[in-house]
Amino acid sequence: MKLIQIKSDFALENQMVYSITGEGADQDPKGIFTVERLSGSLFVTQPLDREKKASYRITVYAKGHDVSIAEKPMEIVIPVIDQNDNKPVFTQNPFTGHVHEAAGKDYEFMTVTATDADDPETGNGIGNYKIINQEPQFPKPNMFEINIFSGTIRVQEQGMDRKVSSEI
């Protein structure tokens, strides 16, 4: 896939030869980027993965084909844009929380956490929390609520009774 076209200011009057060095060119990981010698078209030869490498730095050279002219080398930074290709993963499984049966409404008793390998600077790496269901469904089906951003769980409904159920 073509990324960009490199063009020397000298190319209007002279045939130029383009080359590249650096990460992804002649340095590991080699061969990811190539340049057409005479056109200056810069190509990426394979899919990039931001979780493996967030950006690449290459240096571009332009020299005259049959004349002794040359541009100053130019550094190009190629950022890899993140895709939402990783699922969040809880930091432990299961989480176990303890709450007193007499705990009042809004009593915070635990926090769950998850990580995501996607870029945290984009929406791809930001997770939200949600309680899918509560087992058992009694004494009320929605005894707890979770802060969608922090993962903090708190009592939403009073009425827990250890004699009826020691676990929810």
N, C-alpha and C. Protein backbone atom coordinates (compact mmCIF):
# COMPACT_ATOMS: atom_id res chain seq x y z
N MET A 1 0.84 -1.16 0.00
CA MET A 1 0.00 0.00 0.00
C MET A 1 0.90 1.24 0.00
N LYS A 2 0.56 2.16 -0.85
CA LYS A 2 1.34 3.39 -0.95
C LYS A 2 0.98 4.33 0.19
N LEU A 3 2.02 4.82 0.89
CA LEU A 3 1.82 5.75 2.00
C LEU A 3 1.92 7.20 1.54
N ILE A 4 3.06 7.53 0.94
CA ILE A 4 3.31 8.91 0.51
C ILE A 4 4.19 8.91 -0.73
N GLN A 5 4.29 10.06 -1.35
CA GLN A 5 5.17 10.28 -2.49
C GLN A 5 6.24 11.27 -2.04
N ILE A 6 7.49 10.86 -2.11
CA ILE A 6 8.61 11.73 -1.76
C ILE A 6 9.07 12.40 -3.05
N LYS A 7 9.23 13.72 -3.00
CA LYS A 7 9.62 14.44 -4.21
C LYS A 7 10.66 15.48 -3.85
N SER A 8 11.81 15.41 -4.46
CA SER A 8 12.88 16.38 -4.25
C SER A 8 12.58 17.66 -5.02
N ASP A 9 13.03 18.78 -4.46
CA ASP A 9 12.91 20.05 -5.19
C ASP A 9 13.74 20.01 -6.48
N PHE A 10 14.77 19.20 -6.51
CA PHE A 10 15.62 19.09 -7.70
C PHE A 10 14.97 18.24 -8.80
N ALA A 11 13.88 17.56 -8.48
CA ALA A 11 13.27 16.61 -9.43
C ALA A 11 12.66 17.29 -10.65
N LEU A 12 12.42 18.59 -10.60
CA LEU A 12 11.88 19.29 -11.77
C LEU A 12 12.89 19.33 -12.91
N GLU A 13 14.19 19.40 -12.58
CA GLU A 13 15.22 19.53 -13.61
C GLU A 13 16.11 18.29 -13.74
N ASN A 14 16.10 17.39 -12.75
CA ASN A 14 17.01 16.25 -12.75
C ASN A 14 16.29 14.98 -12.31
N GLN A 15 16.75 13.87 -12.85
CA GLN A 15 16.24 12.58 -12.37
C GLN A 15 16.88 12.31 -11.01
N MET A 16 16.03 12.00 -10.03
CA MET A 16 16.52 11.76 -8.68
C MET A 16 16.36 10.28 -8.34
N VAL A 17 17.22 9.82 -7.42
CA VAL A 17 17.16 8.45 -6.92
C VAL A 17 16.87 8.54 -5.43
N TYR A 18 15.84 7.81 -4.99
CA TYR A 18 15.40 7.87 -3.60
C TYR A 18 15.77 6.59 -2.88
N SER A 19 16.12 6.72 -1.60
CA SER A 19 16.40 5.55 -0.76
C SER A 19 15.97 5.88 0.67
N ILE A 20 15.85 4.82 1.46
CA ILE A 20 15.45 5.00 2.86
C ILE A 20 16.30 4.11 3.76
N THR A 21 16.45 4.55 5.00
CA THR A 21 17.10 3.75 6.04
C THR A 21 16.29 3.92 7.32
N GLY A 22 16.53 3.02 8.26
CA GLY A 22 15.90 3.15 9.57
C GLY A 22 15.00 1.98 9.90
N GLU A 23 14.25 2.15 11.00
CA GLU A 23 13.35 1.11 11.51
C GLU A 23 12.33 0.72 10.44
N GLY A 24 12.27 -0.54 10.16
CA GLY A 24 11.30 -1.01 9.18
C GLY A 24 11.79 -0.95 7.76
N ALA A 25 12.96 -0.37 7.54
CA ALA A 25 13.54 -0.32 6.19
C ALA A 25 14.73 -1.28 6.17
N ASP A 26 15.92 -0.77 6.50
CA ASP A 26 17.11 -1.64 6.54
C ASP A 26 17.51 -2.04 7.95
N GLN A 27 16.72 -1.61 8.94
CA GLN A 27 16.93 -2.00 10.33
C GLN A 27 15.71 -2.77 10.82
N ASP A 28 15.91 -3.64 11.81
CA ASP A 28 14.81 -4.46 12.32
C ASP A 28 13.67 -3.59 12.83
N PRO A 29 12.47 -4.00 12.53
CA PRO A 29 12.06 -5.11 11.66
C PRO A 29 12.19 -4.71 10.19
N LYS A 30 13.08 -5.39 9.48
CA LYS A 30 13.44 -5.01 8.10
C LYS A 30 12.32 -5.28 7.10
N GLY A 31 12.30 -4.44 6.05
CA GLY A 31 11.44 -4.69 4.90
C GLY A 31 9.99 -4.26 5.03
N ILE A 32 9.63 -3.60 6.10
CA ILE A 32 8.24 -3.16 6.24
C ILE A 32 7.96 -1.99 5.29
N PHE A 33 8.95 -1.14 5.12
CA PHE A 33 8.80 0.02 4.23
C PHE A 33 9.78 -0.10 3.07
N THR A 34 9.31 0.24 1.89
CA THR A 34 10.16 0.26 0.71
C THR A 34 9.89 1.56 -0.04
N VAL A 35 10.86 1.95 -0.86
CA VAL A 35 10.69 3.14 -1.68
C VAL A 35 11.07 2.78 -3.12
N GLU A 36 10.27 3.23 -4.08
CA GLU A 36 10.63 3.07 -5.49
C GLU A 36 11.75 4.05 -5.79
N ARG A 37 12.84 3.53 -6.29
CA ARG A 37 14.06 4.32 -6.49
C ARG A 37 13.84 5.60 -7.30
N LEU A 38 13.09 5.50 -8.40
CA LEU A 38 12.98 6.65 -9.29
C LEU A 38 11.73 7.50 -9.06
N SER A 39 10.67 6.93 -8.55
CA SER A 39 9.44 7.71 -8.35
C SER A 39 9.38 8.34 -6.96
N GLY A 40 10.03 7.73 -5.96
CA GLY A 40 9.96 8.23 -4.59
C GLY A 40 8.71 7.77 -3.85
N SER A 41 7.96 6.84 -4.45
CA SER A 41 6.76 6.33 -3.77
C SER A 41 7.18 5.45 -2.60
N LEU A 42 6.67 5.77 -1.42
CA LEU A 42 6.97 5.02 -0.21
C LEU A 42 5.81 4.07 0.07
N PHE A 43 6.13 2.78 0.24
CA PHE A 43 5.12 1.75 0.44
C PHE A 43 5.30 1.06 1.78
N VAL A 44 4.19 0.57 2.33
CA VAL A 44 4.21 -0.33 3.47
C VAL A 44 3.88 -1.71 2.92
N THR A 45 4.67 -2.71 3.31
CA THR A 45 4.56 -4.03 2.69
C THR A 45 3.73 -5.03 3.47
N GLN A 46 3.33 -4.67 4.69
CA GLN A 46 2.56 -5.59 5.53
C GLN A 46 1.74 -4.82 6.53
N PRO A 47 0.72 -5.47 7.11
CA PRO A 47 -0.08 -4.77 8.13
C PRO A 47 0.79 -4.40 9.34
N LEU A 48 0.49 -3.27 9.92
CA LEU A 48 1.21 -2.79 11.11
C LEU A 48 0.33 -3.00 12.33
N ASP A 49 0.96 -3.19 13.48
CA ASP A 49 0.23 -3.42 14.72
C ASP A 49 0.75 -2.48 15.79
N ARG A 50 -0.09 -1.54 16.23
CA ARG A 50 0.33 -0.54 17.20
C ARG A 50 0.78 -1.16 18.52
N GLU A 51 0.21 -2.32 18.86
CA GLU A 51 0.61 -2.96 20.11
C GLU A 51 2.02 -3.51 20.03
N LYS A 52 2.53 -3.78 18.85
CA LYS A 52 3.92 -4.21 18.68
C LYS A 52 4.86 -3.02 18.57
N LYS A 53 4.45 -1.99 17.82
CA LYS A 53 5.29 -0.81 17.65
C LYS A 53 4.37 0.37 17.32
N ALA A 54 4.46 1.44 18.12
CA ALA A 54 3.55 2.58 17.98
C ALA A 54 3.94 3.53 16.86
N SER A 55 5.22 3.56 16.48
CA SER A 55 5.66 4.44 15.39
C SER A 55 7.00 3.97 14.84
N TYR A 56 7.31 4.44 13.65
CA TYR A 56 8.57 4.12 12.99
C TYR A 56 9.24 5.42 12.57
N ARG A 57 10.57 5.41 12.62
CA ARG A 57 11.36 6.56 12.16
C ARG A 57 12.24 6.08 11.01
N ILE A 58 12.06 6.71 9.86
CA ILE A 58 12.93 6.38 8.73
C ILE A 58 13.55 7.66 8.21
N THR A 59 14.69 7.51 7.57
CA THR A 59 15.36 8.64 6.95
C THR A 59 15.31 8.46 5.45
N VAL A 60 14.94 9.54 4.76
CA VAL A 60 14.77 9.52 3.31
C VAL A 60 15.95 10.28 2.69
N TYR A 61 16.48 9.70 1.62
CA TYR A 61 17.59 10.32 0.88
C TYR A 61 17.17 10.52 -0.57
N ALA A 62 17.58 11.66 -1.16
CA ALA A 62 17.34 11.93 -2.57
C ALA A 62 18.64 12.45 -3.17
N LYS A 63 19.16 11.69 -4.17
CA LYS A 63 20.41 12.07 -4.83
C LYS A 63 20.19 12.10 -6.34
N GLY A 64 20.95 12.93 -7.01
CA GLY A 64 20.83 13.00 -8.46
C GLY A 64 21.27 11.69 -9.11
N HIS A 65 20.57 11.30 -10.17
CA HIS A 65 20.86 10.03 -10.86
C HIS A 65 22.21 10.09 -11.57
N ASP A 66 22.43 11.09 -12.39
CA ASP A 66 23.70 11.22 -13.12
C ASP A 66 24.38 12.56 -12.85
N VAL A 67 23.93 13.24 -11.82
CA VAL A 67 24.51 14.54 -11.47
C VAL A 67 24.83 14.52 -9.98
N SER A 68 25.77 15.33 -9.58
CA SER A 68 26.17 15.30 -8.18
C SER A 68 25.40 16.35 -7.39
N ILE A 69 24.14 16.07 -7.20
CA ILE A 69 23.31 16.89 -6.32
C ILE A 69 22.64 15.96 -5.32
N ALA A 70 22.32 16.51 -4.17
CA ALA A 70 21.66 15.69 -3.15
C ALA A 70 20.90 16.60 -2.19
N GLU A 71 19.75 16.12 -1.79
CA GLU A 71 18.98 16.80 -0.75
C GLU A 71 19.58 16.43 0.60
N LYS A 72 19.36 17.28 1.59
CA LYS A 72 19.71 16.90 2.95
C LYS A 72 18.79 15.75 3.35
N PRO A 73 19.30 14.74 4.07
CA PRO A 73 18.42 13.66 4.50
C PRO A 73 17.26 14.21 5.34
N MET A 74 16.11 13.56 5.20
CA MET A 74 14.91 14.02 5.90
C MET A 74 14.36 12.85 6.72
N GLU A 75 14.08 13.12 8.00
CA GLU A 75 13.50 12.09 8.86
C GLU A 75 11.97 12.13 8.72
N ILE A 76 11.38 10.95 8.62
CA ILE A 76 9.92 10.82 8.59
C ILE A 76 9.51 9.92 9.75
N VAL A 77 8.54 10.39 10.53
CA VAL A 77 7.98 9.59 11.60
C VAL A 77 6.63 9.09 11.11
N ILE A 78 6.46 7.78 11.18
CA ILE A 78 5.22 7.15 10.71
C ILE A 78 4.50 6.60 11.94
N PRO A 79 3.46 7.31 12.42
CA PRO A 79 2.70 6.79 13.56
C PRO A 79 1.76 5.67 13.10
N VAL A 80 1.59 4.67 13.93
CA VAL A 80 0.67 3.58 13.64
C VAL A 80 -0.62 3.87 14.39
N ILE A 81 -1.69 4.02 13.65
CA ILE A 81 -2.99 4.34 14.24
C ILE A 81 -3.60 3.08 14.82
N ASP A 82 -4.08 3.20 16.02
CA ASP A 82 -4.62 2.04 16.74
C ASP A 82 -5.97 1.61 16.17
N GLN A 83 -6.18 0.31 16.15
CA GLN A 83 -7.48 -0.28 15.86
C GLN A 83 -7.97 -0.94 17.14
N ASN A 84 -9.26 -1.05 17.28
CA ASN A 84 -9.83 -1.68 18.46
C ASN A 84 -9.78 -3.19 18.26
N ASP A 85 -8.60 -3.76 18.43
CA ASP A 85 -8.40 -5.19 18.13
C ASP A 85 -8.05 -6.02 19.36
N ASN A 86 -8.23 -5.46 20.54
CA ASN A 86 -7.98 -6.19 21.78
C ASN A 86 -9.18 -6.05 22.71
N LYS A 87 -9.54 -7.15 23.31
CA LYS A 87 -10.63 -7.13 24.28
C LYS A 87 -10.08 -6.78 25.65
N PRO A 88 -10.88 -6.08 26.47
CA PRO A 88 -10.44 -5.85 27.85
C PRO A 88 -10.33 -7.19 28.58
N VAL A 89 -9.40 -7.25 29.53
CA VAL A 89 -9.18 -8.46 30.32
C VAL A 89 -9.20 -8.06 31.79
N PHE A 90 -10.02 -8.75 32.58
CA PHE A 90 -10.04 -8.47 34.01
C PHE A 90 -8.69 -8.83 34.62
N THR A 91 -8.27 -8.05 35.61
CA THR A 91 -6.96 -8.27 36.24
C THR A 91 -6.97 -9.45 37.18
N GLN A 92 -8.14 -9.95 37.53
CA GLN A 92 -8.24 -11.21 38.27
C GLN A 92 -9.60 -11.82 37.97
N ASN A 93 -9.71 -13.11 38.18
CA ASN A 93 -10.96 -13.81 37.91
C ASN A 93 -11.07 -15.01 38.82
N PRO A 94 -11.97 -15.04 39.74
CA PRO A 94 -13.00 -14.03 39.96
C PRO A 94 -12.52 -12.94 40.92
N PHE A 95 -13.28 -11.85 40.96
CA PHE A 95 -13.12 -10.84 42.00
C PHE A 95 -14.03 -11.27 43.14
N THR A 96 -13.58 -11.10 44.36
CA THR A 96 -14.42 -11.45 45.51
C THR A 96 -14.53 -10.23 46.40
N GLY A 97 -15.76 -9.83 46.67
CA GLY A 97 -16.00 -8.69 47.54
C GLY A 97 -16.78 -9.11 48.76
N HIS A 98 -16.66 -8.37 49.82
CA HIS A 98 -17.36 -8.65 51.07
C HIS A 98 -18.13 -7.41 51.47
N VAL A 99 -19.40 -7.62 51.83
CA VAL A 99 -20.23 -6.50 52.25
C VAL A 99 -21.09 -6.98 53.42
N HIS A 100 -21.23 -6.13 54.41
CA HIS A 100 -22.05 -6.46 55.58
C HIS A 100 -23.53 -6.44 55.20
N GLU A 101 -24.29 -7.34 55.80
CA GLU A 101 -25.70 -7.41 55.45
C GLU A 101 -26.45 -6.14 55.83
N ALA A 102 -25.93 -5.39 56.76
CA ALA A 102 -26.57 -4.14 57.18
C ALA A 102 -26.05 -2.93 56.40
N ALA A 103 -25.23 -3.16 55.38
CA ALA A 103 -24.66 -2.04 54.62
C ALA A 103 -25.78 -1.20 54.02
N GLY A 104 -25.62 0.10 54.11
CA GLY A 104 -26.63 1.02 53.59
C GLY A 104 -26.45 1.30 52.11
N LYS A 105 -27.46 1.93 51.55
CA LYS A 105 -27.43 2.33 50.15
C LYS A 105 -26.20 3.21 49.90
N ASP A 106 -25.56 2.98 48.77
CA ASP A 106 -24.37 3.72 48.31
C ASP A 106 -23.08 3.33 49.02
N TYR A 107 -23.12 2.29 49.86
CA TYR A 107 -21.91 1.80 50.51
C TYR A 107 -21.03 1.13 49.45
N GLU A 108 -19.82 1.67 49.25
CA GLU A 108 -18.86 1.11 48.28
C GLU A 108 -18.06 0.03 48.98
N PHE A 109 -17.98 -1.15 48.36
CA PHE A 109 -17.30 -2.25 49.03
C PHE A 109 -16.23 -2.94 48.21
N MET A 110 -16.14 -2.64 46.92
CA MET A 110 -15.06 -3.23 46.13
C MET A 110 -14.93 -2.51 44.78
N THR A 111 -13.79 -2.76 44.14
CA THR A 111 -13.55 -2.22 42.81
C THR A 111 -12.99 -3.34 41.94
N VAL A 112 -13.54 -3.46 40.74
CA VAL A 112 -13.00 -4.41 39.77
C VAL A 112 -12.19 -3.61 38.75
N THR A 113 -11.18 -4.24 38.18
CA THR A 113 -10.34 -3.56 37.20
C THR A 113 -10.08 -4.46 36.01
N ALA A 114 -9.90 -3.84 34.87
CA ALA A 114 -9.58 -4.56 33.64
C ALA A 114 -8.55 -3.74 32.87
N THR A 115 -7.77 -4.41 32.05
CA THR A 115 -6.79 -3.74 31.21
C THR A 115 -7.12 -4.00 29.74
N ASP A 116 -6.64 -3.13 28.88
CA ASP A 116 -6.85 -3.27 27.44
C ASP A 116 -5.56 -2.87 26.75
N ALA A 117 -5.06 -3.70 25.86
CA ALA A 117 -3.79 -3.44 25.19
C ALA A 117 -3.90 -2.37 24.11
N ASP A 118 -5.12 -1.94 23.76
CA ASP A 118 -5.27 -0.88 22.77
C ASP A 118 -4.79 0.45 23.33
N ASP A 119 -4.60 1.42 22.46
CA ASP A 119 -4.06 2.72 22.83
C ASP A 119 -4.96 3.44 23.84
N PRO A 120 -4.46 3.71 25.05
CA PRO A 120 -5.29 4.38 26.06
C PRO A 120 -5.60 5.84 25.72
N GLU A 121 -4.91 6.39 24.74
CA GLU A 121 -5.16 7.77 24.32
C GLU A 121 -6.33 7.85 23.34
N THR A 122 -6.85 6.71 22.92
CA THR A 122 -8.02 6.68 22.04
C THR A 122 -9.16 5.98 22.76
N GLY A 123 -10.34 6.05 22.21
CA GLY A 123 -11.48 5.34 22.78
C GLY A 123 -11.31 3.84 22.76
N ASN A 124 -10.39 3.35 21.93
CA ASN A 124 -10.18 1.91 21.81
C ASN A 124 -9.66 1.28 23.10
N GLY A 125 -8.93 2.03 23.87
CA GLY A 125 -8.32 1.48 25.08
C GLY A 125 -9.04 1.87 26.36
N ILE A 126 -10.18 2.52 26.22
CA ILE A 126 -10.93 2.95 27.39
C ILE A 126 -12.08 1.98 27.60
N GLY A 127 -12.13 1.39 28.77
CA GLY A 127 -13.18 0.43 29.07
C GLY A 127 -14.27 1.02 29.95
N ASN A 128 -15.44 0.45 29.85
CA ASN A 128 -16.56 0.79 30.73
C ASN A 128 -17.01 -0.49 31.41
N TYR A 129 -17.51 -0.35 32.62
CA TYR A 129 -17.94 -1.49 33.40
C TYR A 129 -19.46 -1.55 33.47
N LYS A 130 -19.98 -2.78 33.54
CA LYS A 130 -21.42 -2.99 33.63
C LYS A 130 -21.67 -4.31 34.33
N ILE A 131 -22.65 -4.34 35.21
CA ILE A 131 -23.07 -5.59 35.83
C ILE A 131 -24.09 -6.22 34.89
N ILE A 132 -23.79 -7.42 34.42
CA ILE A 132 -24.67 -8.11 33.48
C ILE A 132 -25.82 -8.78 34.21
N ASN A 133 -25.52 -9.50 35.29
CA ASN A 133 -26.59 -10.09 36.09
C ASN A 133 -26.09 -10.35 37.50
N GLN A 134 -27.05 -10.62 38.34
CA GLN A 134 -26.77 -10.90 39.75
C GLN A 134 -27.33 -12.27 40.06
N GLU A 135 -26.51 -13.11 40.68
CA GLU A 135 -26.95 -14.45 41.10
C GLU A 135 -26.71 -14.61 42.58
N PRO A 136 -27.66 -14.98 43.37
CA PRO A 136 -29.06 -15.18 42.99
C PRO A 136 -29.77 -13.85 42.80
N GLN A 137 -30.94 -13.90 42.23
CA GLN A 137 -31.73 -12.70 41.92
C GLN A 137 -32.46 -12.14 43.15
N PHE A 138 -32.32 -12.76 44.29
CA PHE A 138 -33.03 -12.27 45.47
C PHE A 138 -32.01 -11.75 46.48
N PRO A 139 -32.35 -10.93 47.41
CA PRO A 139 -33.73 -10.54 47.68
C PRO A 139 -34.31 -9.58 46.64
N LYS A 140 -33.47 -8.88 45.92
CA LYS A 140 -33.92 -8.01 44.82
C LYS A 140 -32.95 -8.22 43.67
N PRO A 141 -33.39 -8.09 42.43
CA PRO A 141 -32.52 -8.41 41.29
C PRO A 141 -31.40 -7.41 41.01
N ASN A 142 -31.44 -6.25 41.60
CA ASN A 142 -30.42 -5.23 41.34
C ASN A 142 -29.89 -4.67 42.66
N MET A 143 -29.25 -5.55 43.42
CA MET A 143 -28.75 -5.15 44.74
C MET A 143 -27.55 -4.21 44.64
N PHE A 144 -26.85 -4.26 43.53
CA PHE A 144 -25.60 -3.51 43.40
C PHE A 144 -25.59 -2.70 42.12
N GLU A 145 -24.78 -1.65 42.14
CA GLU A 145 -24.53 -0.90 40.91
C GLU A 145 -23.03 -0.67 40.81
N ILE A 146 -22.58 -0.46 39.56
CA ILE A 146 -21.15 -0.28 39.32
C ILE A 146 -20.93 1.05 38.62
N ASN A 147 -19.89 1.74 39.03
CA ASN A 147 -19.50 2.97 38.35
C ASN A 147 -18.90 2.56 37.01
N ILE A 148 -19.50 3.02 35.92
CA ILE A 148 -19.07 2.55 34.59
C ILE A 148 -17.62 2.91 34.27
N PHE A 149 -17.09 3.94 34.90
CA PHE A 149 -15.73 4.37 34.60
C PHE A 149 -14.68 3.80 35.55
N SER A 150 -15.00 3.75 36.85
CA SER A 150 -13.99 3.33 37.83
C SER A 150 -14.06 1.85 38.20
N GLY A 151 -15.22 1.21 37.97
CA GLY A 151 -15.38 -0.19 38.37
C GLY A 151 -15.73 -0.37 39.84
N THR A 152 -15.99 0.73 40.54
CA THR A 152 -16.36 0.65 41.95
C THR A 152 -17.79 0.13 42.07
N ILE A 153 -17.97 -0.87 42.93
CA ILE A 153 -19.29 -1.46 43.13
C ILE A 153 -19.81 -1.01 44.49
N ARG A 154 -21.08 -0.65 44.50
CA ARG A 154 -21.71 -0.21 45.75
C ARG A 154 -23.10 -0.79 45.88
N VAL A 155 -23.60 -0.74 47.11
CA VAL A 155 -24.93 -1.23 47.41
C VAL A 155 -25.96 -0.27 46.81
N GLN A 156 -26.90 -0.82 46.09
CA GLN A 156 -27.96 0.00 45.52
C GLN A 156 -29.28 -0.22 46.27
N GLU A 157 -29.49 -1.44 46.75
CA GLU A 157 -30.73 -1.78 47.46
C GLU A 157 -30.37 -2.42 48.80
N GLN A 158 -31.01 -2.01 49.84
CA GLN A 158 -30.82 -2.64 51.13
C GLN A 158 -31.68 -3.91 51.21
N GLY A 159 -31.40 -4.73 52.17
CA GLY A 159 -32.22 -5.92 52.37
C GLY A 159 -31.45 -7.21 52.26
N MET A 160 -30.12 -7.16 52.30
CA MET A 160 -29.35 -8.40 52.28
C MET A 160 -29.55 -9.13 53.60
N ASP A 161 -29.64 -10.44 53.54
CA ASP A 161 -29.85 -11.26 54.75
C ASP A 161 -28.97 -12.49 54.63
N ARG A 162 -27.94 -12.56 55.44
CA ARG A 162 -26.99 -13.70 55.39
C ARG A 162 -27.68 -15.03 55.67
N LYS A 163 -28.74 -15.01 56.46
CA LYS A 163 -29.46 -16.25 56.75
C LYS A 163 -30.16 -16.80 55.50
N VAL A 164 -30.54 -15.92 54.59
CA VAL A 164 -31.22 -16.33 53.36
C VAL A 164 -30.19 -16.72 52.30
N SER A 165 -29.14 -15.91 52.15
CA SER A 165 -28.09 -16.21 51.16
C SER A 165 -26.79 -15.59 51.62
N SER A 166 -25.74 -16.41 51.70
CA SER A 166 -24.44 -15.89 52.14
C SER A 166 -23.62 -15.34 50.99
N GLU A 167 -24.08 -15.60 49.77
CA GLU A 167 -23.36 -15.11 48.58
C GLU A 167 -24.35 -14.55 47.56
N ILE A 168 -23.93 -13.47 46.93
CA ILE A 168 -24.69 -12.93 45.80
C ILE A 168 -23.69 -12.71 44.70
